[in-house]
Amino acid sequence: MRESLLALLVLAACGRASSTDGGGSTSGGSTSGRGASFGDLHTGNFWLGPVDYAETQWHNACAPSVKYPAGIQQLYGDYIMGLANEVTLQGLPAGSGQLCDTCVELSANGKSLVAHVVTFGQETGPNDIDVSPQIDNALDAAAGRTATWRFVTCPTIDPIVYTFDGRQWSNIWFFRVWVRNARVPVAKVEYRLGTGSWATPDWQGDGAWQASGADFSGGFSLRVTSIDGQALEDAIPGLGTFDPNAGIRSHGNFQ
């Protein structure tokens, strides 16, 4: 990116996406075929960012300073990409990190694939995107860089994963959480202690939700709501009792 740039199912409703047909299963994770699409169809150019987990040139803006956890990299595979700041979906702007970890179907030169959004920033045009070397090759960039793309259901059968920022792990009064591998884009995250009231954590520009001012050492609940109104509620163990980078796997995912 040129300027970078995880119990109870309350409402029933990438591993690596397939390289050309939007279905099937690959070594990067399980997929379950083509799903719903969200928002408008966009047309722009795709550029070799490069977008990569090693961040060889640009930081992935949806990741903490310690980069994407290894478990999430395995779920997502190598088809990863970045959006221009100007992109929005149902009022959620890419430029403030609210489209992190969504899935996008890209089509160019007679080929299609599904990628995970891991970064955002300033682009040549509002519909231009930056891509990983694997996407650049799969879409045959030598034949042309014009692509159409739109947000789609992520083709995963694995559950949502909640990963946390471990830098403040000794502070039981504070957490930052990323909602990874959601099939449908996330619109809202809430938390509560015991049977208390639900509260909304503060949104952070790197795709995390941050809460503070309560003792989270005894565990708490998270409720995640998708842009189409589905909700998942999960019990999270006390802070400091699990690996923040491995995180906590939800009991399920959106439909």
C-alpha atoms as a PDB file:
ATOM      1  CA  MET A   1       0.000   0.000   0.000  1.00  0.00           C
ATOM      2  CA  ARG A   2       1.591   3.179  -1.080  1.00  0.00           C
ATOM      3  CA  GLU A   3       0.791   5.009   2.157  1.00  0.00           C
ATOM      4  CA  SER A   4      -0.391   2.649   4.761  1.00  0.00           C
ATOM      5  CA  LEU A   5      -1.873   2.414   5.517  1.00  0.00           C
ATOM      6  CA  LEU A   6     -13.862 -14.595  18.259  1.00  0.00           C
ATOM      7  CA  ALA A   7     -21.334 -19.597  23.624  1.00  0.00           C
ATOM      8  CA  LEU A   8     -24.314 -18.770  21.772  1.00  0.00           C
ATOM      9  CA  LEU A   9     -25.729 -18.159  18.326  1.00  0.00           C
ATOM     10  CA  VAL A  10     -28.198 -15.379  18.955  1.00  0.00           C
ATOM     11  CA  LEU A  11     -29.528 -15.037  15.456  1.00  0.00           C
ATOM     12  CA  ALA A  12     -29.161 -17.762  12.853  1.00  0.00           C
ATOM     13  CA  ALA A  13     -28.608 -16.131  10.113  1.00  0.00           C
ATOM     14  CA  CYS A  14     -10.692 -17.219   3.587  1.00  0.00           C
ATOM     15  CA  GLY A  15      -8.974 -19.917   4.040  1.00  0.00           C
ATOM     16  CA  ARG A  16      -7.334 -19.334   0.693  1.00  0.00           C
ATOM     17  CA  ALA A  17     -10.056 -18.673  -1.814  1.00  0.00           C
ATOM     18  CA  SER A  18     -10.177 -20.711  -4.956  1.00  0.00           C
ATOM     19  CA  SER A  19      -8.022 -19.317  -7.690  1.00  0.00           C
ATOM     20  CA  THR A  20     -10.468 -19.072 -10.548  1.00  0.00           C
ATOM     21  CA  ASP A  21     -13.929 -20.423  -9.765  1.00  0.00           C
ATOM     22  CA  GLY A  22     -14.843 -19.104  -6.316  1.00  0.00           C
ATOM     23  CA  GLY A  23     -15.494 -22.630  -4.956  1.00  0.00           C
ATOM     24  CA  GLY A  24     -13.735 -25.727  -3.733  1.00  0.00           C
ATOM     25  CA  SER A  25     -11.168 -26.183  -0.992  1.00  0.00           C
ATOM     26  CA  THR A  26      -7.446 -25.432  -0.861  1.00  0.00           C
ATOM     27  CA  SER A  27      -4.514 -25.779   1.503  1.00  0.00           C
ATOM     28  CA  GLY A  28      -4.930 -22.256   2.844  1.00  0.00           C
ATOM     29  CA  GLY A  29      -8.237 -23.143   4.539  1.00  0.00           C
ATOM     30  CA  SER A  30     -11.683 -24.558   3.850  1.00  0.00           C
ATOM     31  CA  THR A  31     -14.068 -22.893   1.438  1.00  0.00           C
ATOM     32  CA  SER A  32     -17.722 -23.466   0.775  1.00  0.00           C
ATOM     33  CA  GLY A  33     -18.326 -21.872  -2.573  1.00  0.00           C
ATOM     34  CA  ARG A  34     -19.747 -18.593  -3.739  1.00  0.00           C
ATOM     35  CA  GLY A  35     -21.967 -16.672  -1.331  1.00  0.00           C
ATOM     36  CA  ALA A  36     -23.784 -13.363  -1.173  1.00  0.00           C
ATOM     37  CA  SER A  37     -22.415 -10.076  -2.426  1.00  0.00           C
ATOM     38  CA  PHE A  38     -22.637  -6.705  -0.729  1.00  0.00           C
ATOM     39  CA  GLY A  39     -22.651  -3.211  -2.150  1.00  0.00           C
ATOM     40  CA  ASP A  40     -21.831  -2.035  -5.634  1.00  0.00           C
ATOM     41  CA  LEU A  41     -19.657  -3.559  -8.318  1.00  0.00           C
ATOM     42  CA  HIS A  42     -16.487  -1.480  -8.684  1.00  0.00           C
ATOM     43  CA  THR A  43     -14.107  -1.101 -11.600  1.00  0.00           C
ATOM     44  CA  GLY A  44     -10.515  -0.019 -11.133  1.00  0.00           C
ATOM     45  CA  ASN A  45      -6.914  -1.047 -11.560  1.00  0.00           C
ATOM     46  CA  PHE A  46      -5.128  -3.653  -9.465  1.00  0.00           C
ATOM     47  CA  TRP A  47      -1.538  -2.953  -8.536  1.00  0.00           C
ATOM     48  CA  LEU A  48       1.210  -5.094  -7.060  1.00  0.00           C
ATOM     49  CA  GLY A  49       1.390  -3.462  -3.611  1.00  0.00           C
ATOM     50  CA  PRO A  50       3.069  -5.648  -2.724  1.00  0.00           C
ATOM     51  CA  VAL A  51       0.665  -6.758  -0.002  1.00  0.00           C
ATOM     52  CA  ASP A  52       2.279  -9.538   2.026  1.00  0.00           C
ATOM     53  CA  TYR A  53       2.273 -10.822   5.602  1.00  0.00           C
ATOM     54  CA  ALA A  54       5.986 -10.146   5.990  1.00  0.00           C
ATOM     55  CA  GLU A  55       5.287  -6.462   5.233  1.00  0.00           C
ATOM     56  CA  THR A  56       8.366  -6.314   3.039  1.00  0.00           C
ATOM     57  CA  GLN A  57       7.546  -2.754   1.987  1.00  0.00           C
ATOM     58  CA  TRP A  58       4.294  -1.604   3.599  1.00  0.00           C
ATOM     59  CA  HIS A  59       2.663  -2.258   6.977  1.00  0.00           C
ATOM     60  CA  ASN A  60      -0.733  -3.983   6.747  1.00  0.00           C
ATOM     61  CA  ALA A  61      -3.004  -1.410   8.336  1.00  0.00           C
ATOM     62  CA  CYS A  62      -5.459  -4.045   9.657  1.00  0.00           C
ATOM     63  CA  ALA A  63      -2.721  -5.716  11.707  1.00  0.00           C
ATOM     64  CA  PRO A  64      -1.109  -4.880  15.042  1.00  0.00           C
ATOM     65  CA  SER A  65       2.544  -3.929  15.138  1.00  0.00           C
ATOM     66  CA  VAL A  66       3.446  -7.635  15.496  1.00  0.00           C
ATOM     67  CA  LYS A  67       1.727  -8.329  12.157  1.00  0.00           C
ATOM     68  CA  TYR A  68      -1.029 -10.819  11.331  1.00  0.00           C
ATOM     69  CA  PRO A  69      -0.974 -13.888  13.644  1.00  0.00           C
ATOM     70  CA  ALA A  70       0.254 -17.077  12.005  1.00  0.00           C
ATOM     71  CA  GLY A  71      -3.073 -18.852  12.544  1.00  0.00           C
ATOM     72  CA  ILE A  72      -4.958 -16.133  10.685  1.00  0.00           C
ATOM     73  CA  GLN A  73      -2.437 -16.160   7.871  1.00  0.00           C
ATOM     74  CA  GLN A  74      -3.109 -19.876   7.445  1.00  0.00           C
ATOM     75  CA  LEU A  75      -6.877 -19.304   7.395  1.00  0.00           C
ATOM     76  CA  TYR A  76      -6.677 -16.504   4.864  1.00  0.00           C
ATOM     77  CA  GLY A  77      -3.985 -17.836   2.570  1.00  0.00           C
ATOM     78  CA  ASP A  78      -1.980 -15.659   0.210  1.00  0.00           C
ATOM     79  CA  TYR A  79      -4.818 -13.886  -1.586  1.00  0.00           C
ATOM     80  CA  ILE A  80      -4.698 -10.641   0.390  1.00  0.00           C
ATOM     81  CA  MET A  81      -5.281  -7.064  -0.707  1.00  0.00           C
ATOM     82  CA  GLY A  82      -5.716  -3.430   0.225  1.00  0.00           C
ATOM     83  CA  LEU A  83      -8.490  -0.900  -0.400  1.00  0.00           C
ATOM     84  CA  ALA A  84      -8.409   2.808  -1.084  1.00  0.00           C
ATOM     85  CA  ASN A  85      -9.379   5.005   1.861  1.00  0.00           C
ATOM     86  CA  GLU A  86     -12.424   6.299  -0.017  1.00  0.00           C
ATOM     87  CA  VAL A  87     -14.175   2.904  -0.220  1.00  0.00           C
ATOM     88  CA  THR A  88     -17.296   2.491   1.937  1.00  0.00           C
ATOM     89  CA  LEU A  89     -19.790  -0.332   2.516  1.00  0.00           C
ATOM     90  CA  GLN A  90     -23.107   0.456   4.209  1.00  0.00           C
ATOM     91  CA  GLY A  91     -21.553   3.443   5.898  1.00  0.00           C
ATOM     92  CA  LEU A  92     -18.398   1.616   6.983  1.00  0.00           C
ATOM     93  CA  PRO A  93     -15.300   3.392   5.623  1.00  0.00           C
ATOM     94  CA  ALA A  94     -12.147   1.575   4.635  1.00  0.00           C
ATOM     95  CA  GLY A  95     -10.075   4.599   5.607  1.00  0.00           C
ATOM     96  CA  SER A  96     -10.800   4.113   9.316  1.00  0.00           C
ATOM     97  CA  GLY A  97     -10.250   0.357   9.267  1.00  0.00           C
ATOM     98  CA  GLN A  98     -13.901  -0.694   9.367  1.00  0.00           C
ATOM     99  CA  LEU A  99     -13.599  -2.940   6.308  1.00  0.00           C
ATOM    100  CA  CYS A 100     -10.626  -4.892   7.641  1.00  0.00           C
ATOM    101  CA  ASP A 101     -10.862  -8.680   7.154  1.00  0.00           C
ATOM    102  CA  THR A 102     -13.759  -8.461   4.703  1.00  0.00           C
ATOM    103  CA  CYS A 103     -13.688 -10.523   1.510  1.00  0.00           C
ATOM    104  CA  VAL A 104     -13.640  -9.209  -2.027  1.00  0.00           C
ATOM    105  CA  GLU A 105     -14.203 -11.090  -5.272  1.00  0.00           C
ATOM    106  CA  LEU A 106     -11.859  -9.872  -7.992  1.00  0.00           C
ATOM    107  CA  SER A 107     -12.281 -10.509 -11.707  1.00  0.00           C
ATOM    108  CA  ALA A 108      -9.793  -9.624 -14.411  1.00  0.00           C
ATOM    109  CA  ASN A 109      -8.615 -11.065 -17.695  1.00  0.00           C
ATOM    110  CA  GLY A 110     -11.172 -13.874 -17.573  1.00  0.00           C
ATOM    111  CA  LYS A 111     -10.102 -15.015 -14.111  1.00  0.00           C
ATOM    112  CA  SER A 112     -11.753 -14.607 -10.682  1.00  0.00           C
ATOM    113  CA  LEU A 113     -10.724 -15.161  -7.073  1.00  0.00           C
ATOM    114  CA  VAL A 114     -11.678 -14.124  -3.542  1.00  0.00           C
ATOM    115  CA  ALA A 115      -9.254 -12.149  -1.359  1.00  0.00           C
ATOM    116  CA  HIS A 116      -9.163 -10.891   2.225  1.00  0.00           C
ATOM    117  CA  VAL A 117      -8.694  -7.199   2.941  1.00  0.00           C
ATOM    118  CA  VAL A 118      -5.695  -6.724   5.232  1.00  0.00           C
ATOM    119  CA  THR A 119      -4.774  -3.096   4.575  1.00  0.00           C
ATOM    120  CA  PHE A 120      -5.962   0.257   3.270  1.00  0.00           C
ATOM    121  CA  GLY A 121      -4.497   3.606   2.315  1.00  0.00           C
ATOM    122  CA  GLN A 122      -4.022   6.138  -0.463  1.00  0.00           C
ATOM    123  CA  GLU A 123      -4.543   4.756  -3.948  1.00  0.00           C
ATOM    124  CA  THR A 124      -4.216   6.110  -7.465  1.00  0.00           C
ATOM    125  CA  GLY A 125      -8.013   6.058  -7.763  1.00  0.00           C
ATOM    126  CA  PRO A 126     -10.889   5.365  -5.338  1.00  0.00           C
ATOM    127  CA  ASN A 127     -11.644   1.995  -6.950  1.00  0.00           C
ATOM    128  CA  ASP A 128      -8.039   0.926  -7.398  1.00  0.00           C
ATOM    129  CA  ILE A 129      -6.709  -1.840  -5.171  1.00  0.00           C
ATOM    130  CA  ASP A 130      -3.316  -3.160  -4.088  1.00  0.00           C
ATOM    131  CA  VAL A 131      -2.747  -6.921  -4.185  1.00  0.00           C
ATOM    132  CA  SER A 132      -0.363  -9.665  -3.147  1.00  0.00           C
ATOM    133  CA  PRO A 133       2.107 -11.160  -5.634  1.00  0.00           C
ATOM    134  CA  GLN A 134      -0.045 -14.318  -5.700  1.00  0.00           C
ATOM    135  CA  ILE A 135      -3.103 -12.328  -6.813  1.00  0.00           C
ATOM    136  CA  ASP A 136      -1.063 -10.405  -9.339  1.00  0.00           C
ATOM    137  CA  ASN A 137       0.024 -13.693 -10.916  1.00  0.00           C
ATOM    138  CA  ALA A 138      -3.404 -15.393 -10.666  1.00  0.00           C
ATOM    139  CA  LEU A 139      -5.145 -12.511 -12.435  1.00  0.00           C
ATOM    140  CA  ASP A 140      -2.515 -12.431 -15.192  1.00  0.00           C
ATOM    141  CA  ALA A 141      -1.466  -8.818 -14.709  1.00  0.00           C
ATOM    142  CA  ALA A 142       0.605  -8.955 -17.897  1.00  0.00           C
ATOM    143  CA  ALA A 143      -2.670  -9.119 -19.865  1.00  0.00           C
ATOM    144  CA  GLY A 144      -4.027  -5.951 -18.244  1.00  0.00           C
ATOM    145  CA  ARG A 145      -4.644  -4.388 -14.869  1.00  0.00           C
ATOM    146  CA  THR A 146      -8.328  -3.420 -15.123  1.00  0.00           C
ATOM    147  CA  ALA A 147     -10.454  -5.411 -12.665  1.00  0.00           C
ATOM    148  CA  THR A 148     -14.008  -5.492 -11.384  1.00  0.00           C
ATOM    149  CA  TRP A 149     -14.528  -6.233  -7.710  1.00  0.00           C
ATOM    150  CA  ARG A 150     -17.193  -6.356  -5.003  1.00  0.00           C
ATOM    151  CA  PHE A 151     -17.563  -7.382  -1.362  1.00  0.00           C
ATOM    152  CA  VAL A 152     -18.736 -10.982  -0.894  1.00  0.00           C
ATOM    153  CA  THR A 153     -19.336 -13.587   1.800  1.00  0.00           C
ATOM    154  CA  CYS A 154     -16.005 -15.071   2.841  1.00  0.00           C
ATOM    155  CA  PRO A 155     -15.811 -18.689   1.611  1.00  0.00           C
ATOM    156  CA  THR A 156     -14.854 -20.251   4.950  1.00  0.00           C
ATOM    157  CA  ILE A 157     -16.393 -22.985   7.086  1.00  0.00           C
ATOM    158  CA  ASP A 158     -14.100 -22.190  10.011  1.00  0.00           C
ATOM    159  CA  PRO A 159     -15.369 -20.123  12.961  1.00  0.00           C
ATOM    160  CA  ILE A 160     -14.700 -16.510  13.730  1.00  0.00           C
ATOM    161  CA  VAL A 161     -11.479 -15.965  15.651  1.00  0.00           C
ATOM    162  CA  TYR A 162     -10.971 -13.199  18.210  1.00  0.00           C
ATOM    163  CA  THR A 163      -7.331 -12.147  18.444  1.00  0.00           C
ATOM    164  CA  PHE A 164      -6.040  -9.684  21.013  1.00  0.00           C
ATOM    165  CA  ASP A 165      -3.269  -7.167  21.469  1.00  0.00           C
ATOM    166  CA  GLY A 166      -0.788  -8.746  23.871  1.00  0.00           C
ATOM    167  CA  ARG A 167       1.312  -5.630  24.409  1.00  0.00           C
ATOM    168  CA  GLN A 168      -0.882  -4.632  27.377  1.00  0.00           C
ATOM    169  CA  TRP A 169      -1.525  -8.223  28.510  1.00  0.00           C
ATOM    170  CA  SER A 170      -0.486  -7.468  32.110  1.00  0.00           C
ATOM    171  CA  ASN A 171      -3.231  -4.843  32.292  1.00  0.00           C
ATOM    172  CA  ILE A 172      -6.454  -6.712  33.173  1.00  0.00           C
ATOM    173  CA  TRP A 173      -8.433  -3.475  32.840  1.00  0.00           C
ATOM    174  CA  PHE A 174      -7.879  -3.091  29.126  1.00  0.00           C
ATOM    175  CA  PHE A 175      -8.229  -5.108  25.912  1.00  0.00           C
ATOM    176  CA  ARG A 176      -8.025  -4.623  22.170  1.00  0.00           C
ATOM    177  CA  VAL A 177      -9.719  -7.286  20.022  1.00  0.00           C
ATOM    178  CA  TRP A 178      -9.777  -8.012  16.297  1.00  0.00           C
ATOM    179  CA  VAL A 179     -12.677 -10.020  14.812  1.00  0.00           C
ATOM    180  CA  ARG A 180     -11.056 -12.239  12.195  1.00  0.00           C
ATOM    181  CA  ASN A 181     -12.469 -14.702   9.638  1.00  0.00           C
ATOM    182  CA  ALA A 182     -16.078 -13.474   9.767  1.00  0.00           C
ATOM    183  CA  ARG A 183     -18.061 -14.690   6.740  1.00  0.00           C
ATOM    184  CA  VAL A 184     -20.038 -11.434   6.599  1.00  0.00           C
ATOM    185  CA  PRO A 185     -18.627  -7.952   7.265  1.00  0.00           C
ATOM    186  CA  VAL A 186     -18.881  -6.886  10.902  1.00  0.00           C
ATOM    187  CA  ALA A 187     -20.915  -3.786  11.753  1.00  0.00           C
ATOM    188  CA  LYS A 188     -20.781  -3.760  15.566  1.00  0.00           C
ATOM    189  CA  VAL A 189     -18.980  -5.328  18.533  1.00  0.00           C
ATOM    190  CA  GLU A 190     -20.228  -5.218  22.130  1.00  0.00           C
ATOM    191  CA  TYR A 191     -18.955  -6.601  25.443  1.00  0.00           C
ATOM    192  CA  ARG A 192     -20.309  -7.191  28.964  1.00  0.00           C
ATOM    193  CA  LEU A 193     -19.226  -8.512  32.324  1.00  0.00           C
ATOM    194  CA  GLY A 194     -21.457 -11.220  33.839  1.00  0.00           C
ATOM    195  CA  THR A 195     -25.126 -10.371  33.344  1.00  0.00           C
ATOM    196  CA  GLY A 196     -24.509  -6.653  33.140  1.00  0.00           C
ATOM    197  CA  SER A 197     -25.444  -4.322  30.320  1.00  0.00           C
ATOM    198  CA  TRP A 198     -23.845  -4.529  26.897  1.00  0.00           C
ATOM    199  CA  ALA A 199     -21.360  -1.780  26.146  1.00  0.00           C
ATOM    200  CA  THR A 200     -19.699  -0.750  22.902  1.00  0.00           C
ATOM    201  CA  PRO A 201     -15.903  -0.623  22.839  1.00  0.00           C
ATOM    202  CA  ASP A 202     -14.113   2.172  21.062  1.00  0.00           C
ATOM    203  CA  TRP A 203     -13.265   1.666  17.417  1.00  0.00           C
ATOM    204  CA  GLN A 204      -9.578   1.826  16.533  1.00  0.00           C
ATOM    205  CA  GLY A 205      -8.160   2.710  13.144  1.00  0.00           C
ATOM    206  CA  ASP A 206      -6.276  -0.562  12.777  1.00  0.00           C
ATOM    207  CA  GLY A 207      -9.438  -2.696  12.773  1.00  0.00           C
ATOM    208  CA  ALA A 208      -9.452  -3.382  16.518  1.00  0.00           C
ATOM    209  CA  TRP A 209     -12.112  -2.643  19.148  1.00  0.00           C
ATOM    210  CA  GLN A 210     -10.801  -1.329  22.463  1.00  0.00           C
ATOM    211  CA  ALA A 211     -12.364  -1.433  25.957  1.00  0.00           C
ATOM    212  CA  SER A 212     -11.027  -0.239  29.290  1.00  0.00           C
ATOM    213  CA  GLY A 213     -12.103   0.692  32.791  1.00  0.00           C
ATOM    214  CA  ALA A 214     -13.312  -2.721  33.987  1.00  0.00           C
ATOM    215  CA  ASP A 215     -11.693  -5.824  35.473  1.00  0.00           C
ATOM    216  CA  PHE A 216     -11.592  -8.391  32.645  1.00  0.00           C
ATOM    217  CA  SER A 217      -9.510 -10.980  34.539  1.00  0.00           C
ATOM    218  CA  GLY A 218     -12.588 -13.138  35.299  1.00  0.00           C
ATOM    219  CA  GLY A 219     -13.721 -13.312  31.684  1.00  0.00           C
ATOM    220  CA  PHE A 220     -16.385 -11.464  29.733  1.00  0.00           C
ATOM    221  CA  SER A 221     -18.745 -11.857  26.771  1.00  0.00           C
ATOM    222  CA  LEU A 222     -18.425 -10.515  23.252  1.00  0.00           C
ATOM    223  CA  ARG A 223     -21.347  -9.998  20.870  1.00  0.00           C
ATOM    224  CA  VAL A 224     -20.602  -9.410  17.202  1.00  0.00           C
ATOM    225  CA  THR A 225     -23.228  -8.180  14.728  1.00  0.00           C
ATOM    226  CA  SER A 226     -22.864  -8.387  10.938  1.00  0.00           C
ATOM    227  CA  ILE A 227     -23.997  -5.796   8.421  1.00  0.00           C
ATOM    228  CA  ASP A 228     -27.047  -7.970   7.622  1.00  0.00           C
ATOM    229  CA  GLY A 229     -28.149  -8.205  11.273  1.00  0.00           C
ATOM    230  CA  GLN A 230     -26.794 -11.595  12.311  1.00  0.00           C
ATOM    231  CA  ALA A 231     -25.312 -11.775  15.819  1.00  0.00           C
ATOM    232  CA  LEU A 232     -22.929 -14.126  17.608  1.00  0.00           C
ATOM    233  CA  GLU A 233     -22.262 -14.145  21.346  1.00  0.00           C
ATOM    234  CA  ASP A 234     -19.178 -15.813  22.817  1.00  0.00           C
ATOM    235  CA  ALA A 235     -17.695 -16.220  26.280  1.00  0.00           C
ATOM    236  CA  ILE A 236     -14.074 -15.042  26.484  1.00  0.00           C
ATOM    237  CA  PRO A 237     -11.760 -16.319  29.258  1.00  0.00           C
ATOM    238  CA  GLY A 238     -10.044 -13.894  31.580  1.00  0.00           C
ATOM    239  CA  LEU A 239      -7.295 -11.723  30.190  1.00  0.00           C
ATOM    240  CA  GLY A 240      -3.890 -13.274  30.640  1.00  0.00           C
ATOM    241  CA  THR A 241      -5.178 -16.869  30.527  1.00  0.00           C
ATOM    242  CA  PHE A 242      -4.667 -17.493  26.788  1.00  0.00           C
ATOM    243  CA  ASP A 243      -2.305 -16.588  23.978  1.00  0.00           C
ATOM    244  CA  PRO A 244      -3.518 -13.223  22.596  1.00  0.00           C
ATOM    245  CA  ASN A 245      -2.163 -13.905  19.120  1.00  0.00           C
ATOM    246  CA  ALA A 246      -3.731 -17.369  18.863  1.00  0.00           C
ATOM    247  CA  GLY A 247      -6.838 -15.790  20.348  1.00  0.00           C
ATOM    248  CA  ILE A 248     -10.177 -17.482  21.013  1.00  0.00           C
ATOM    249  CA  ARG A 249     -12.189 -19.363  18.414  1.00  0.00           C
ATOM    250  CA  SER A 250     -15.900 -18.621  18.365  1.00  0.00           C
ATOM    251  CA  HIS A 251     -18.422 -21.455  18.501  1.00  0.00           C
ATOM    252  CA  GLY A 252     -19.559 -20.511  15.013  1.00  0.00           C
ATOM    253  CA  ASN A 253     -19.716 -18.009  12.186  1.00  0.00           C
ATOM    254  CA  PHE A 254     -22.290 -15.994  10.280  1.00  0.00           C
ATOM    255  CA  GLN A 255     -24.356 -17.637   7.553  1.00  0.00           C
END
